[in-house]
Amino acid sequence: MSICLSANLSAQEQLISPDQRALGGIQSYSSSPHLLHTNPALLHGQDGQKYLTAHGENRYFSAIQRVTMGYSSIHTLQGWRISLSDYGITGWRENHAQLSYGRLLTDHLSIGTTVSYQRIDLREYGSQGQFNIDLGLGIQPTDAIHLSLMAQSIAGDELSAPLTLIAGSRIHTTSKTDLYVEYQHSPDALRDDQLSIGLSYSAHEDLQINLGINTLSAGPSVGISYRVLDQLSISAAISHHSQLGGSGALGVSYGW
């Protein structure tokens, strides 16, 4: 029972950036100045940029168990990303090392893939390591509309995160606002489907305000992203998960 519960919580709580958390848990897109996309097909947009991103997050499950998350990534080559992540709950710990690549096929179509190594440590059952593969597709029919499709964890075994299909969209509604809609589905019985809706508002050229909600949350999420310098930005978010409780997330991105 404890294994199933831990697997379910881990699968539902992806390691995403604070601004993605503030947008209702959107995984396909990010609104931060130094974009942290989960969909590898969107990495082509980082051509010519190099940056380091890191964020941390704490949650409390049933006011007893503490859930910790951490993520860091670095872009050093066009279309490539290397990232490390960590997830922990009492009796369960996951570490991931990922290599992602995305490229543009046409002016309106991009593809990408992520190969990751996942190590799971269970207090009573020992450790296990395995490889996973994610695939991504990006479609931009107009300048104002972008569509994203992802298949996560298409390889693995019973301890890996279940296969998840994610369809998302980003709509540039006005000169200062972007609307995000995303739906996540998995055939695995441990994972609930999730619909996320987020809104990003550019209050200033250096300040973004993010709001969001999803069908698994106990309330709305909110956050800000502020560009301190041309190369440095800070983002923060507050959200509430129906099972994992409230949390605060803080992230820093540095580009050069």
C-alpha atoms as a PDB file:
ATOM      1  CA  MET A   1       0.000   0.000   0.000  1.00  0.00           C
ATOM      2  CA  SER A   2       2.781   2.424   0.885  1.00  0.00           C
ATOM      3  CA  ILE A   3       4.569   1.631  -2.390  1.00  0.00           C
ATOM      4  CA  CYS A   4       1.453   2.328  -4.449  1.00  0.00           C
ATOM      5  CA  LEU A   5       0.801   5.583  -2.589  1.00  0.00           C
ATOM      6  CA  SER A   6       4.363   6.776  -3.045  1.00  0.00           C
ATOM      7  CA  ALA A   7       4.340   5.866  -6.729  1.00  0.00           C
ATOM      8  CA  ASN A   8       1.081   7.728  -7.244  1.00  0.00           C
ATOM      9  CA  LEU A   9       2.312  10.880  -5.509  1.00  0.00           C
ATOM     10  CA  SER A  10       5.596  10.779  -7.380  1.00  0.00           C
ATOM     11  CA  ALA A  11       3.931  10.341 -10.746  1.00  0.00           C
ATOM     12  CA  GLN A  12       1.481  13.183 -10.155  1.00  0.00           C
ATOM     13  CA  GLU A  13       4.107  15.620  -8.878  1.00  0.00           C
ATOM     14  CA  GLN A  14       6.457  16.328 -11.744  1.00  0.00           C
ATOM     15  CA  LEU A  15       9.563  18.403 -11.124  1.00  0.00           C
ATOM     16  CA  ILE A  16       8.669  21.624 -12.888  1.00  0.00           C
ATOM     17  CA  SER A  17       9.711  25.245 -12.509  1.00  0.00           C
ATOM     18  CA  PRO A  18       7.952  27.664 -10.116  1.00  0.00           C
ATOM     19  CA  ASP A  19       6.274  29.565 -12.942  1.00  0.00           C
ATOM     20  CA  GLN A  20       4.920  26.291 -14.349  1.00  0.00           C
ATOM     21  CA  ARG A  21       3.657  25.461 -10.861  1.00  0.00           C
ATOM     22  CA  ALA A  22       1.977  28.871 -10.651  1.00  0.00           C
ATOM     23  CA  LEU A  23       0.266  28.275 -14.009  1.00  0.00           C
ATOM     24  CA  GLY A  24      -1.627  25.336 -12.559  1.00  0.00           C
ATOM     25  CA  GLY A  25       1.052  22.693 -13.031  1.00  0.00           C
ATOM     26  CA  ILE A  26       1.469  23.239 -16.768  1.00  0.00           C
ATOM     27  CA  GLN A  27       4.273  21.021 -18.066  1.00  0.00           C
ATOM     28  CA  SER A  28       4.344  21.804 -21.785  1.00  0.00           C
ATOM     29  CA  TYR A  29       5.320  25.474 -21.497  1.00  0.00           C
ATOM     30  CA  SER A  30       7.023  27.943 -19.217  1.00  0.00           C
ATOM     31  CA  SER A  31       6.600  31.703 -18.951  1.00  0.00           C
ATOM     32  CA  SER A  32       9.950  32.505 -17.315  1.00  0.00           C
ATOM     33  CA  PRO A  33      12.409  34.785 -19.145  1.00  0.00           C
ATOM     34  CA  HIS A  34      14.898  31.920 -19.503  1.00  0.00           C
ATOM     35  CA  LEU A  35      12.391  29.363 -20.695  1.00  0.00           C
ATOM     36  CA  LEU A  36      12.361  25.971 -19.035  1.00  0.00           C
ATOM     37  CA  HIS A  37      10.269  23.763 -21.297  1.00  0.00           C
ATOM     38  CA  THR A  38       9.400  20.214 -20.320  1.00  0.00           C
ATOM     39  CA  ASN A  39       8.537  19.306 -23.904  1.00  0.00           C
ATOM     40  CA  PRO A  40      11.920  18.592 -25.585  1.00  0.00           C
ATOM     41  CA  ALA A  41      10.500  19.608 -28.978  1.00  0.00           C
ATOM     42  CA  LEU A  42      10.483  23.236 -27.772  1.00  0.00           C
ATOM     43  CA  LEU A  43      14.192  23.346 -26.960  1.00  0.00           C
ATOM     44  CA  HIS A  44      15.010  24.601 -30.455  1.00  0.00           C
ATOM     45  CA  GLY A  45      13.793  27.998 -29.241  1.00  0.00           C
ATOM     46  CA  GLN A  46      16.876  28.215 -27.032  1.00  0.00           C
ATOM     47  CA  ASP A  47      19.286  28.263 -29.988  1.00  0.00           C
ATOM     48  CA  GLY A  48      22.146  30.638 -29.290  1.00  0.00           C
ATOM     49  CA  GLN A  49      21.397  30.816 -25.548  1.00  0.00           C
ATOM     50  CA  LYS A  50      23.239  29.270 -22.638  1.00  0.00           C
ATOM     51  CA  TYR A  51      21.815  29.295 -19.141  1.00  0.00           C
ATOM     52  CA  LEU A  52      21.646  27.533 -15.814  1.00  0.00           C
ATOM     53  CA  THR A  53      18.362  27.006 -13.978  1.00  0.00           C
ATOM     54  CA  ALA A  54      17.770  25.702 -10.471  1.00  0.00           C
ATOM     55  CA  HIS A  55      14.738  25.519  -8.190  1.00  0.00           C
ATOM     56  CA  GLY A  56      13.614  23.888  -4.982  1.00  0.00           C
ATOM     57  CA  GLU A  57      10.282  23.121  -3.374  1.00  0.00           C
ATOM     58  CA  ASN A  58       8.899  21.732  -0.109  1.00  0.00           C
ATOM     59  CA  ARG A  59       5.485  20.177   0.513  1.00  0.00           C
ATOM     60  CA  TYR A  60       3.856  18.603   3.529  1.00  0.00           C
ATOM     61  CA  PHE A  61       1.693  15.520   3.094  1.00  0.00           C
ATOM     62  CA  SER A  62      -1.000  15.049   5.779  1.00  0.00           C
ATOM     63  CA  ALA A  63       0.986  17.490   7.945  1.00  0.00           C
ATOM     64  CA  ILE A  64       3.396  14.633   8.728  1.00  0.00           C
ATOM     65  CA  GLN A  65       5.541  13.677   5.760  1.00  0.00           C
ATOM     66  CA  ARG A  66       7.683  16.270   4.068  1.00  0.00           C
ATOM     67  CA  VAL A  67       8.046  16.146   0.296  1.00  0.00           C
ATOM     68  CA  THR A  68      11.178  17.760  -1.146  1.00  0.00           C
ATOM     69  CA  MET A  69      11.878  18.489  -4.795  1.00  0.00           C
ATOM     70  CA  GLY A  70      14.840  19.952  -6.612  1.00  0.00           C
ATOM     71  CA  TYR A  71      15.683  20.596 -10.242  1.00  0.00           C
ATOM     72  CA  SER A  72      18.627  22.007 -12.150  1.00  0.00           C
ATOM     73  CA  SER A  73      19.394  22.215 -15.851  1.00  0.00           C
ATOM     74  CA  ILE A  74      21.977  23.712 -18.166  1.00  0.00           C
ATOM     75  CA  HIS A  75      21.865  24.530 -21.867  1.00  0.00           C
ATOM     76  CA  THR A  76      25.289  24.673 -23.490  1.00  0.00           C
ATOM     77  CA  LEU A  77      24.600  23.746 -27.121  1.00  0.00           C
ATOM     78  CA  GLN A  78      21.833  24.647 -29.537  1.00  0.00           C
ATOM     79  CA  GLY A  79      18.789  22.498 -28.893  1.00  0.00           C
ATOM     80  CA  TRP A  80      20.433  20.457 -26.102  1.00  0.00           C
ATOM     81  CA  ARG A  81      19.659  20.362 -22.382  1.00  0.00           C
ATOM     82  CA  ILE A  82      21.189  18.419 -19.496  1.00  0.00           C
ATOM     83  CA  SER A  83      19.158  18.295 -16.292  1.00  0.00           C
ATOM     84  CA  LEU A  84      19.244  16.682 -12.857  1.00  0.00           C
ATOM     85  CA  SER A  85      16.274  16.308 -10.531  1.00  0.00           C
ATOM     86  CA  ASP A  86      15.444  14.880  -7.132  1.00  0.00           C
ATOM     87  CA  TYR A  87      12.182  13.878  -5.449  1.00  0.00           C
ATOM     88  CA  GLY A  88      11.807  12.655  -1.878  1.00  0.00           C
ATOM     89  CA  ILE A  89       9.077  11.498   0.464  1.00  0.00           C
ATOM     90  CA  THR A  90       9.369   9.403   3.628  1.00  0.00           C
ATOM     91  CA  GLY A  91      10.716   5.987   2.626  1.00  0.00           C
ATOM     92  CA  TRP A  92      10.964   6.890  -1.074  1.00  0.00           C
ATOM     93  CA  ARG A  93      13.591   8.806  -3.049  1.00  0.00           C
ATOM     94  CA  GLU A  94      14.017   9.367  -6.787  1.00  0.00           C
ATOM     95  CA  ASN A  95      16.937  10.822  -8.734  1.00  0.00           C
ATOM     96  CA  HIS A  96      16.829  11.579 -12.459  1.00  0.00           C
ATOM     97  CA  ALA A  97      19.528  12.484 -14.966  1.00  0.00           C
ATOM     98  CA  GLN A  98      18.182  13.644 -18.329  1.00  0.00           C
ATOM     99  CA  LEU A  99      19.541  14.475 -21.752  1.00  0.00           C
ATOM    100  CA  SER A 100      17.117  16.298 -24.085  1.00  0.00           C
ATOM    101  CA  TYR A 101      17.318  17.461 -27.669  1.00  0.00           C
ATOM    102  CA  GLY A 102      14.869  19.371 -29.863  1.00  0.00           C
ATOM    103  CA  ARG A 103      15.014  20.573 -33.424  1.00  0.00           C
ATOM    104  CA  LEU A 104      12.876  22.504 -35.880  1.00  0.00           C
ATOM    105  CA  LEU A 105      11.720  20.499 -38.910  1.00  0.00           C
ATOM    106  CA  THR A 106       9.771  23.285 -40.622  1.00  0.00           C
ATOM    107  CA  ASP A 107       8.703  26.817 -39.683  1.00  0.00           C
ATOM    108  CA  HIS A 108       5.640  25.324 -37.968  1.00  0.00           C
ATOM    109  CA  LEU A 109       6.769  21.897 -36.740  1.00  0.00           C
ATOM    110  CA  SER A 110       9.388  20.726 -34.216  1.00  0.00           C
ATOM    111  CA  ILE A 111      10.264  17.390 -32.611  1.00  0.00           C
ATOM    112  CA  GLY A 112      12.334  16.328 -29.622  1.00  0.00           C
ATOM    113  CA  THR A 113      13.224  13.505 -27.267  1.00  0.00           C
ATOM    114  CA  THR A 114      14.453  13.073 -23.702  1.00  0.00           C
ATOM    115  CA  VAL A 115      16.422  10.070 -22.496  1.00  0.00           C
ATOM    116  CA  SER A 116      16.606   9.819 -18.730  1.00  0.00           C
ATOM    117  CA  TYR A 117      18.068   7.518 -16.107  1.00  0.00           C
ATOM    118  CA  GLN A 118      15.869   7.100 -13.051  1.00  0.00           C
ATOM    119  CA  ARG A 119      17.082   5.685  -9.737  1.00  0.00           C
ATOM    120  CA  ILE A 120      14.547   4.797  -7.069  1.00  0.00           C
ATOM    121  CA  ASP A 121      15.484   4.074  -3.447  1.00  0.00           C
ATOM    122  CA  LEU A 122      12.900   2.371  -1.235  1.00  0.00           C
ATOM    123  CA  ARG A 123      13.695   2.129   2.450  1.00  0.00           C
ATOM    124  CA  GLU A 124      12.397  -1.443   2.790  1.00  0.00           C
ATOM    125  CA  TYR A 125      13.079  -2.772  -0.708  1.00  0.00           C
ATOM    126  CA  GLY A 126      16.454  -1.384  -1.763  1.00  0.00           C
ATOM    127  CA  SER A 127      17.376   0.480  -4.949  1.00  0.00           C
ATOM    128  CA  GLN A 128      16.585   0.099  -8.615  1.00  0.00           C
ATOM    129  CA  GLY A 129      17.702   1.983 -11.731  1.00  0.00           C
ATOM    130  CA  GLN A 130      16.236   2.145 -15.216  1.00  0.00           C
ATOM    131  CA  PHE A 131      16.027   4.232 -18.396  1.00  0.00           C
ATOM    132  CA  ASN A 132      12.980   6.148 -19.648  1.00  0.00           C
ATOM    133  CA  ILE A 133      12.234   7.869 -22.947  1.00  0.00           C
ATOM    134  CA  ASP A 134       9.987  10.882 -23.597  1.00  0.00           C
ATOM    135  CA  LEU A 135       8.899  12.101 -27.029  1.00  0.00           C
ATOM    136  CA  GLY A 136       7.647  15.584 -27.921  1.00  0.00           C
ATOM    137  CA  LEU A 137       6.004  17.376 -30.822  1.00  0.00           C
ATOM    138  CA  GLY A 138       5.467  21.124 -31.249  1.00  0.00           C
ATOM    139  CA  ILE A 139       3.080  22.708 -33.769  1.00  0.00           C
ATOM    140  CA  GLN A 140       2.655  26.435 -34.410  1.00  0.00           C
ATOM    141  CA  PRO A 141      -0.193  27.037 -36.901  1.00  0.00           C
ATOM    142  CA  THR A 142      -0.160  30.830 -36.326  1.00  0.00           C
ATOM    143  CA  ASP A 143       2.026  33.377 -34.537  1.00  0.00           C
ATOM    144  CA  ALA A 144      -0.490  33.555 -31.682  1.00  0.00           C
ATOM    145  CA  ILE A 145      -1.163  29.836 -31.189  1.00  0.00           C
ATOM    146  CA  HIS A 146       1.228  27.043 -30.245  1.00  0.00           C
ATOM    147  CA  LEU A 147       0.285  23.391 -29.685  1.00  0.00           C
ATOM    148  CA  SER A 148       2.288  20.768 -27.801  1.00  0.00           C
ATOM    149  CA  LEU A 149       2.029  16.967 -27.649  1.00  0.00           C
ATOM    150  CA  MET A 150       4.132  14.752 -25.357  1.00  0.00           C
ATOM    151  CA  ALA A 151       4.418  11.075 -24.499  1.00  0.00           C
ATOM    152  CA  GLN A 152       6.276  10.644 -21.212  1.00  0.00           C
ATOM    153  CA  SER A 153       7.828   7.449 -19.848  1.00  0.00           C
ATOM    154  CA  ILE A 154       7.211   5.277 -22.893  1.00  0.00           C
ATOM    155  CA  ALA A 155       9.817   2.815 -21.528  1.00  0.00           C
ATOM    156  CA  GLY A 156      10.288   1.523 -18.003  1.00  0.00           C
ATOM    157  CA  ASP A 157       8.826  -0.989 -15.560  1.00  0.00           C
ATOM    158  CA  GLU A 158       6.421  -1.201 -12.622  1.00  0.00           C
ATOM    159  CA  LEU A 159       8.381   1.264 -10.468  1.00  0.00           C
ATOM    160  CA  SER A 160       8.770   3.964 -13.108  1.00  0.00           C
ATOM    161  CA  ALA A 161       6.371   6.839 -13.625  1.00  0.00           C
ATOM    162  CA  PRO A 162       3.466   5.548 -15.750  1.00  0.00           C
ATOM    163  CA  LEU A 163       3.057   6.357 -19.421  1.00  0.00           C
ATOM    164  CA  THR A 164       1.501   9.821 -19.648  1.00  0.00           C
ATOM    165  CA  LEU A 165       0.098  11.613 -22.684  1.00  0.00           C
ATOM    166  CA  ILE A 166       0.032  15.406 -22.474  1.00  0.00           C
ATOM    167  CA  ALA A 167      -1.677  17.798 -24.881  1.00  0.00           C
ATOM    168  CA  GLY A 168      -1.162  21.513 -24.316  1.00  0.00           C
ATOM    169  CA  SER A 169      -1.669  24.872 -25.960  1.00  0.00           C
ATOM    170  CA  ARG A 170      -0.403  28.414 -25.496  1.00  0.00           C
ATOM    171  CA  ILE A 171      -2.511  31.241 -26.894  1.00  0.00           C
ATOM    172  CA  HIS A 172      -1.185  34.790 -27.077  1.00  0.00           C
ATOM    173  CA  THR A 173      -4.519  36.491 -26.303  1.00  0.00           C
ATOM    174  CA  THR A 174      -3.300  40.099 -26.001  1.00  0.00           C
ATOM    175  CA  SER A 175       0.005  41.959 -26.116  1.00  0.00           C
ATOM    176  CA  LYS A 176       0.440  41.317 -22.374  1.00  0.00           C
ATOM    177  CA  THR A 177      -1.364  38.031 -21.664  1.00  0.00           C
ATOM    178  CA  ASP A 178      -0.910  34.375 -22.554  1.00  0.00           C
ATOM    179  CA  LEU A 179      -3.463  31.644 -21.903  1.00  0.00           C
ATOM    180  CA  TYR A 180      -2.275  28.087 -21.219  1.00  0.00           C
ATOM    181  CA  VAL A 181      -4.461  24.975 -21.343  1.00  0.00           C
ATOM    182  CA  GLU A 182      -3.167  21.445 -20.826  1.00  0.00           C
ATOM    183  CA  TYR A 183      -4.664  17.981 -20.388  1.00  0.00           C
ATOM    184  CA  GLN A 184      -2.747  14.992 -18.986  1.00  0.00           C
ATOM    185  CA  HIS A 185      -3.947  11.409 -19.365  1.00  0.00           C
ATOM    186  CA  SER A 186      -2.465   8.063 -18.366  1.00  0.00           C
ATOM    187  CA  PRO A 187      -3.897   4.565 -18.819  1.00  0.00           C
ATOM    188  CA  ASP A 188      -2.335   3.671 -15.460  1.00  0.00           C
ATOM    189  CA  ALA A 189      -4.947   3.277 -12.719  1.00  0.00           C
ATOM    190  CA  LEU A 190      -2.662   4.976 -10.161  1.00  0.00           C
ATOM    191  CA  ARG A 191      -2.660   8.282 -11.986  1.00  0.00           C
ATOM    192  CA  ASP A 192      -5.619  10.639 -12.268  1.00  0.00           C
ATOM    193  CA  ASP A 193      -6.223  12.698 -15.368  1.00  0.00           C
ATOM    194  CA  GLN A 194      -5.484  16.382 -14.915  1.00  0.00           C
ATOM    195  CA  LEU A 195      -6.762  19.510 -16.657  1.00  0.00           C
ATOM    196  CA  SER A 196      -4.684  22.647 -16.037  1.00  0.00           C
ATOM    197  CA  ILE A 197      -5.470  26.246 -16.976  1.00  0.00           C
ATOM    198  CA  GLY A 198      -3.035  29.110 -16.512  1.00  0.00           C
ATOM    199  CA  LEU A 199      -2.824  32.811 -17.295  1.00  0.00           C
ATOM    200  CA  SER A 200       0.385  34.850 -17.527  1.00  0.00           C
ATOM    201  CA  TYR A 201       0.261  38.654 -17.430  1.00  0.00           C
ATOM    202  CA  SER A 202       3.227  40.911 -18.225  1.00  0.00           C
ATOM    203  CA  ALA A 203       2.800  43.745 -15.757  1.00  0.00           C
ATOM    204  CA  HIS A 204       6.171  45.139 -16.842  1.00  0.00           C
ATOM    205  CA  GLU A 205       8.836  44.119 -19.307  1.00  0.00           C
ATOM    206  CA  ASP A 206      10.727  42.567 -16.392  1.00  0.00           C
ATOM    207  CA  LEU A 207       7.773  41.325 -14.292  1.00  0.00           C
ATOM    208  CA  GLN A 208       5.271  38.562 -15.004  1.00  0.00           C
ATOM    209  CA  ILE A 209       2.338  37.535 -12.828  1.00  0.00           C
ATOM    210  CA  ASN A 210       1.120  33.947 -13.167  1.00  0.00           C
ATOM    211  CA  LEU A 211      -2.190  32.451 -12.057  1.00  0.00           C
ATOM    212  CA  GLY A 212      -3.467  28.923 -12.486  1.00  0.00           C
ATOM    213  CA  ILE A 213      -5.664  26.065 -11.355  1.00  0.00           C
ATOM    214  CA  ASN A 214      -6.026  22.365 -12.106  1.00  0.00           C
ATOM    215  CA  THR A 215      -8.539  19.639 -11.386  1.00  0.00           C
ATOM    216  CA  LEU A 216      -6.314  17.986  -8.739  1.00  0.00           C
ATOM    217  CA  SER A 217      -5.577  21.108  -6.714  1.00  0.00           C
ATOM    218  CA  ALA A 218      -7.406  22.276  -3.620  1.00  0.00           C
ATOM    219  CA  GLY A 219      -7.246  25.883  -4.783  1.00  0.00           C
ATOM    220  CA  PRO A 220      -5.628  28.289  -7.229  1.00  0.00           C
ATOM    221  CA  SER A 221      -1.889  28.813  -7.568  1.00  0.00           C
ATOM    222  CA  VAL A 222      -0.111  32.123  -7.945  1.00  0.00           C
ATOM    223  CA  GLY A 223       3.422  33.259  -8.683  1.00  0.00           C
ATOM    224  CA  ILE A 224       5.689  35.919 -10.105  1.00  0.00           C
ATOM    225  CA  SER A 225       8.753  35.927 -12.316  1.00  0.00           C
ATOM    226  CA  TYR A 226      11.085  38.917 -12.151  1.00  0.00           C
ATOM    227  CA  ARG A 227      14.114  39.645 -14.305  1.00  0.00           C
ATOM    228  CA  VAL A 228      16.606  41.258 -11.953  1.00  0.00           C
ATOM    229  CA  LEU A 229      19.243  41.734 -14.652  1.00  0.00           C
ATOM    230  CA  ASP A 230      19.440  40.920 -18.337  1.00  0.00           C
ATOM    231  CA  GLN A 231      21.044  37.600 -17.436  1.00  0.00           C
ATOM    232  CA  LEU A 232      19.408  36.880 -14.063  1.00  0.00           C
ATOM    233  CA  SER A 233      15.771  36.124 -13.244  1.00  0.00           C
ATOM    234  CA  ILE A 234      13.979  34.907 -10.115  1.00  0.00           C
ATOM    235  CA  SER A 235      10.620  33.144  -9.949  1.00  0.00           C
ATOM    236  CA  ALA A 236       8.419  32.118  -7.019  1.00  0.00           C
ATOM    237  CA  ALA A 237       5.108  30.293  -6.645  1.00  0.00           C
ATOM    238  CA  ILE A 238       2.583  29.190  -4.035  1.00  0.00           C
ATOM    239  CA  SER A 239       0.311  26.254  -4.792  1.00  0.00           C
ATOM    240  CA  HIS A 240      -1.820  23.650  -3.033  1.00  0.00           C
ATOM    241  CA  HIS A 241      -2.171  19.984  -3.979  1.00  0.00           C
ATOM    242  CA  SER A 242      -5.226  18.030  -2.779  1.00  0.00           C
ATOM    243  CA  GLN A 243      -3.005  15.183  -1.481  1.00  0.00           C
ATOM    244  CA  LEU A 244       0.372  16.806  -0.848  1.00  0.00           C
ATOM    245  CA  GLY A 245      -0.805  20.027   0.753  1.00  0.00           C
ATOM    246  CA  GLY A 246       0.559  23.534   0.317  1.00  0.00           C
ATOM    247  CA  SER A 247       4.007  24.449  -0.883  1.00  0.00           C
ATOM    248  CA  GLY A 248       6.234  27.288  -1.879  1.00  0.00           C
ATOM    249  CA  ALA A 249       8.693  27.086  -4.768  1.00  0.00           C
ATOM    250  CA  LEU A 250      11.649  29.328  -5.600  1.00  0.00           C
ATOM    251  CA  GLY A 251      13.758  29.298  -8.754  1.00  0.00           C
ATOM    252  CA  VAL A 252      16.739  31.137 -10.219  1.00  0.00           C
ATOM    253  CA  SER A 253      17.860  31.292 -13.865  1.00  0.00           C
ATOM    254  CA  TYR A 254      21.112  32.709 -15.175  1.00  0.00           C
ATOM    255  CA  GLY A 255      21.833  33.121 -18.878  1.00  0.00           C
ATOM    256  CA  TRP A 256      24.909  34.213 -20.722  1.00  0.00           C
END
